[in-house]
Each structure stands twice: as C-alpha cells, then as structure tokens.
C-alpha cells in the first residue's frame, strides 16, 4: 500500500503531514482513529443501501476522489455526504461522521432492510 500512497501524494490527490497523516480534499485520513475495517464496512453498507454512489457524469476528478475514498478506506467528502443523507433519512443527528448511533442504525438496516421513516 505504501507504493500506492506515494503515487497518490505525487499526483496531488493526497497530502502527507509532518505527523504522518494523509489528507484528501481537506479531510483526515483516519477519522478519530476509526479502524480502516470499520470505515470500509460502513462504506459497503452505505453503498448497499444506495446512499453512497459514484458521482454522476464523466468528470474524472470527482470520480477519482470517490474511488480513492473507497480504495483507501477513508471518510472523505463523498462518504460524509452519504452519512449525512443516511442520518437525515433516519432522523439521527446530522453530523456527517460515523458515531455509535449511526453505526447501530446502519447495522440494523443492512440486516433488516426497511424504508426510511416517513416525515
């Protein structure tokens, strides 16, 4: 993975800080120390529920950023937007971050799919 990270830094997609953290589109590589496996599982759940989808159209840069988020297992702008949409749909606090309440609701919805509550 180190070779891929160095290529992404050289291409300008990622930046590496002095502390060794990587950033994409201004977001921390690891959000509050969340394990990469948990972030990847959350992204898969959001994709399965159709909240996290590839950007429409043929503009390369947003699509590349989206693919990098999924490949690296990071919470970047696309994942944050998907989290906000999910949180809004289920009347959770809309933060765009992966908190316990959001994760529990995601787990529940993936195991027992239901429609979002009606407003």
C-alpha atoms as a PDB file:
ATOM      1  CA  UNK A   1       0.000   0.000   0.000  1.00  0.00           C
ATOM      2  CA  UNK A   2       2.973   2.305   0.569  1.00  0.00           C
ATOM      3  CA  UNK A   3       3.716   2.482  -3.157  1.00  0.00           C
ATOM      4  CA  UNK A   4       0.121   3.483  -3.931  1.00  0.00           C
ATOM      5  CA  UNK A   5       0.143   6.154  -1.231  1.00  0.00           C
ATOM      6  CA  UNK A   6       3.363   7.658  -2.575  1.00  0.00           C
ATOM      7  CA  UNK A   7       1.888   7.758  -6.108  1.00  0.00           C
ATOM      8  CA  UNK A   8      -1.240   9.489  -4.789  1.00  0.00           C
ATOM      9  CA  UNK A   9       0.914  12.044  -2.949  1.00  0.00           C
ATOM     10  CA  UNK A  10       2.969  12.699  -6.110  1.00  0.00           C
ATOM     11  CA  UNK A  11      -0.195  13.133  -8.186  1.00  0.00           C
ATOM     12  CA  UNK A  12      -1.585  15.644  -5.684  1.00  0.00           C
ATOM     13  CA  UNK A  13      -4.605  13.570  -4.634  1.00  0.00           C
ATOM     14  CA  UNK A  14      -3.228  13.061  -1.109  1.00  0.00           C
ATOM     15  CA  UNK A  15      -1.069  15.205   1.132  1.00  0.00           C
ATOM     16  CA  UNK A  16       1.143  13.898   3.917  1.00  0.00           C
ATOM     17  CA  UNK A  17       1.563  15.956   7.081  1.00  0.00           C
ATOM     18  CA  UNK A  18       4.593  16.010   9.384  1.00  0.00           C
ATOM     19  CA  UNK A  19       2.748  13.691  11.776  1.00  0.00           C
ATOM     20  CA  UNK A  20       2.420  11.063   9.032  1.00  0.00           C
ATOM     21  CA  UNK A  21      -1.308  11.521   8.486  1.00  0.00           C
ATOM     22  CA  UNK A  22      -2.653  11.645   4.940  1.00  0.00           C
ATOM     23  CA  UNK A  23      -5.365  14.066   3.871  1.00  0.00           C
ATOM     24  CA  UNK A  24      -7.712  14.018   0.903  1.00  0.00           C
ATOM     25  CA  UNK A  25      -9.830  17.016  -0.029  1.00  0.00           C
ATOM     26  CA  UNK A  26      -9.005  18.503   3.397  1.00  0.00           C
ATOM     27  CA  UNK A  27     -10.241  15.506   5.414  1.00  0.00           C
ATOM     28  CA  UNK A  28      -8.170  13.438   7.834  1.00  0.00           C
ATOM     29  CA  UNK A  29      -7.024  10.019   6.570  1.00  0.00           C
ATOM     30  CA  UNK A  30      -8.275   8.376   9.745  1.00  0.00           C
ATOM     31  CA  UNK A  31     -11.283   9.943  11.386  1.00  0.00           C
ATOM     32  CA  UNK A  32     -10.764   9.972  15.152  1.00  0.00           C
ATOM     33  CA  UNK A  33      -8.737   6.759  14.976  1.00  0.00           C
ATOM     34  CA  UNK A  34     -11.534   4.661  13.488  1.00  0.00           C
ATOM     35  CA  UNK A  35     -10.225   1.320  12.228  1.00  0.00           C
ATOM     36  CA  UNK A  36      -9.951   1.064   8.450  1.00  0.00           C
ATOM     37  CA  UNK A  37     -12.037  -2.140   8.520  1.00  0.00           C
ATOM     38  CA  UNK A  38     -14.925  -0.286  10.213  1.00  0.00           C
ATOM     39  CA  UNK A  39     -14.767   2.545   7.680  1.00  0.00           C
ATOM     40  CA  UNK A  40     -14.747   0.076   4.771  1.00  0.00           C
ATOM     41  CA  UNK A  41     -17.687  -1.859   6.249  1.00  0.00           C
ATOM     42  CA  UNK A  42     -19.615   1.394   6.693  1.00  0.00           C
ATOM     43  CA  UNK A  43     -18.913   2.392   3.088  1.00  0.00           C
ATOM     44  CA  UNK A  44     -20.107  -1.028   1.881  1.00  0.00           C
ATOM     45  CA  UNK A  45     -23.277  -0.704   3.953  1.00  0.00           C
ATOM     46  CA  UNK A  46     -23.952   2.795   2.601  1.00  0.00           C
ATOM     47  CA  UNK A  47     -23.406   1.504  -0.937  1.00  0.00           C
ATOM     48  CA  UNK A  48     -25.728  -1.457  -0.360  1.00  0.00           C
ATOM     49  CA  UNK A  49     -28.442   0.914   0.886  1.00  0.00           C
ATOM     50  CA  UNK A  50     -27.763   3.225  -2.110  1.00  0.00           C
ATOM     51  CA  UNK A  51     -26.641   6.237  -0.066  1.00  0.00           C
ATOM     52  CA  UNK A  52     -23.029   6.103  -1.294  1.00  0.00           C
ATOM     53  CA  UNK A  53     -22.968   6.123  -5.088  1.00  0.00           C
ATOM     54  CA  UNK A  54     -20.441   7.169  -7.691  1.00  0.00           C
ATOM     55  CA  UNK A  55     -20.715  10.767  -8.865  1.00  0.00           C
ATOM     56  CA  UNK A  56     -22.872  11.225 -11.957  1.00  0.00           C
ATOM     57  CA  UNK A  57     -21.389  12.328 -15.249  1.00  0.00           C
ATOM     58  CA  UNK A  58     -17.994  11.841 -16.756  1.00  0.00           C
ATOM     59  CA  UNK A  59     -15.903  14.361 -14.835  1.00  0.00           C
ATOM     60  CA  UNK A  60     -12.768  12.454 -13.918  1.00  0.00           C
ATOM     61  CA  UNK A  61     -11.658  14.259 -10.761  1.00  0.00           C
ATOM     62  CA  UNK A  62     -14.780  13.620  -8.584  1.00  0.00           C
ATOM     63  CA  UNK A  63     -14.869  10.008  -9.762  1.00  0.00           C
ATOM     64  CA  UNK A  64     -11.185   9.569  -8.917  1.00  0.00           C
ATOM     65  CA  UNK A  65     -11.711  11.081  -5.438  1.00  0.00           C
ATOM     66  CA  UNK A  66     -14.675   8.752  -4.881  1.00  0.00           C
ATOM     67  CA  UNK A  67     -12.665   5.691  -5.935  1.00  0.00           C
ATOM     68  CA  UNK A  68      -9.731   6.741  -3.738  1.00  0.00           C
ATOM     69  CA  UNK A  69     -12.010   7.060  -0.691  1.00  0.00           C
ATOM     70  CA  UNK A  70     -13.257   3.509  -1.179  1.00  0.00           C
ATOM     71  CA  UNK A  71      -9.850   2.090  -2.049  1.00  0.00           C
ATOM     72  CA  UNK A  72      -8.068   3.676   0.908  1.00  0.00           C
ATOM     73  CA  UNK A  73     -10.917   3.175   3.392  1.00  0.00           C
ATOM     74  CA  UNK A  74     -11.127   6.828   4.385  1.00  0.00           C
ATOM     75  CA  UNK A  75     -14.007   9.101   5.288  1.00  0.00           C
ATOM     76  CA  UNK A  76     -13.756  11.821   2.668  1.00  0.00           C
ATOM     77  CA  UNK A  77     -16.329  14.191   1.191  1.00  0.00           C
ATOM     78  CA  UNK A  78     -18.349  11.523  -0.651  1.00  0.00           C
ATOM     79  CA  UNK A  79     -18.656   9.298   2.416  1.00  0.00           C
ATOM     80  CA  UNK A  80     -19.558  12.318   4.580  1.00  0.00           C
ATOM     81  CA  UNK A  81     -22.351  13.306   2.185  1.00  0.00           C
ATOM     82  CA  UNK A  82     -23.664   9.726   2.230  1.00  0.00           C
ATOM     83  CA  UNK A  83     -23.563   9.671   6.046  1.00  0.00           C
ATOM     84  CA  UNK A  84     -25.483  12.963   6.200  1.00  0.00           C
ATOM     85  CA  UNK A  85     -28.144  11.649   3.795  1.00  0.00           C
ATOM     86  CA  UNK A  86     -28.498   8.455   5.837  1.00  0.00           C
ATOM     87  CA  UNK A  87     -28.665  10.346   9.136  1.00  0.00           C
ATOM     88  CA  UNK A  88     -31.289  12.735   7.758  1.00  0.00           C
ATOM     89  CA  UNK A  89     -33.387   9.829   6.410  1.00  0.00           C
ATOM     90  CA  UNK A  90     -33.500   8.131   9.799  1.00  0.00           C
ATOM     91  CA  UNK A  91     -33.854  11.296  11.879  1.00  0.00           C
ATOM     92  CA  UNK A  92     -30.431  10.953  13.507  1.00  0.00           C
ATOM     93  CA  UNK A  93     -28.248  13.944  14.417  1.00  0.00           C
ATOM     94  CA  UNK A  94     -26.843  15.070  11.040  1.00  0.00           C
ATOM     95  CA  UNK A  95     -23.091  15.266  11.595  1.00  0.00           C
ATOM     96  CA  UNK A  96     -21.571  13.517   8.587  1.00  0.00           C
ATOM     97  CA  UNK A  97     -19.429  11.497  10.985  1.00  0.00           C
ATOM     98  CA  UNK A  98     -19.606   7.863  11.977  1.00  0.00           C
ATOM     99  CA  UNK A  99     -20.905   7.809  15.539  1.00  0.00           C
ATOM    100  CA  UNK A 100     -22.298   4.901  17.562  1.00  0.00           C
ATOM    101  CA  UNK A 101     -25.950   5.710  16.846  1.00  0.00           C
ATOM    102  CA  UNK A 102     -25.332   5.922  13.099  1.00  0.00           C
ATOM    103  CA  UNK A 103     -23.342   2.676  13.059  1.00  0.00           C
ATOM    104  CA  UNK A 104     -26.020   0.829  15.061  1.00  0.00           C
ATOM    105  CA  UNK A 105     -28.747   2.060  12.700  1.00  0.00           C
ATOM    106  CA  UNK A 106     -26.682   1.076   9.650  1.00  0.00           C
ATOM    107  CA  UNK A 107     -26.102  -2.415  11.061  1.00  0.00           C
ATOM    108  CA  UNK A 108     -29.814  -2.785  11.774  1.00  0.00           C
ATOM    109  CA  UNK A 109     -30.854  -1.589   8.302  1.00  0.00           C
ATOM    110  CA  UNK A 110     -28.455  -3.891   6.484  1.00  0.00           C
ATOM    111  CA  UNK A 111     -29.623  -6.943   8.417  1.00  0.00           C
ATOM    112  CA  UNK A 112     -33.335  -5.973   8.297  1.00  0.00           C
ATOM    113  CA  UNK A 113     -33.913  -3.602   5.358  1.00  0.00           C
ATOM    114  CA  UNK A 114     -36.806  -1.210   5.868  1.00  0.00           C
ATOM    115  CA  UNK A 115     -37.910   2.031   4.315  1.00  0.00           C
ATOM    116  CA  UNK A 116     -36.769   5.253   5.938  1.00  0.00           C
ATOM    117  CA  UNK A 117     -39.401   6.770   8.226  1.00  0.00           C
ATOM    118  CA  UNK A 118     -41.978   8.997   6.561  1.00  0.00           C
ATOM    119  CA  UNK A 119     -41.935  12.663   7.507  1.00  0.00           C
END
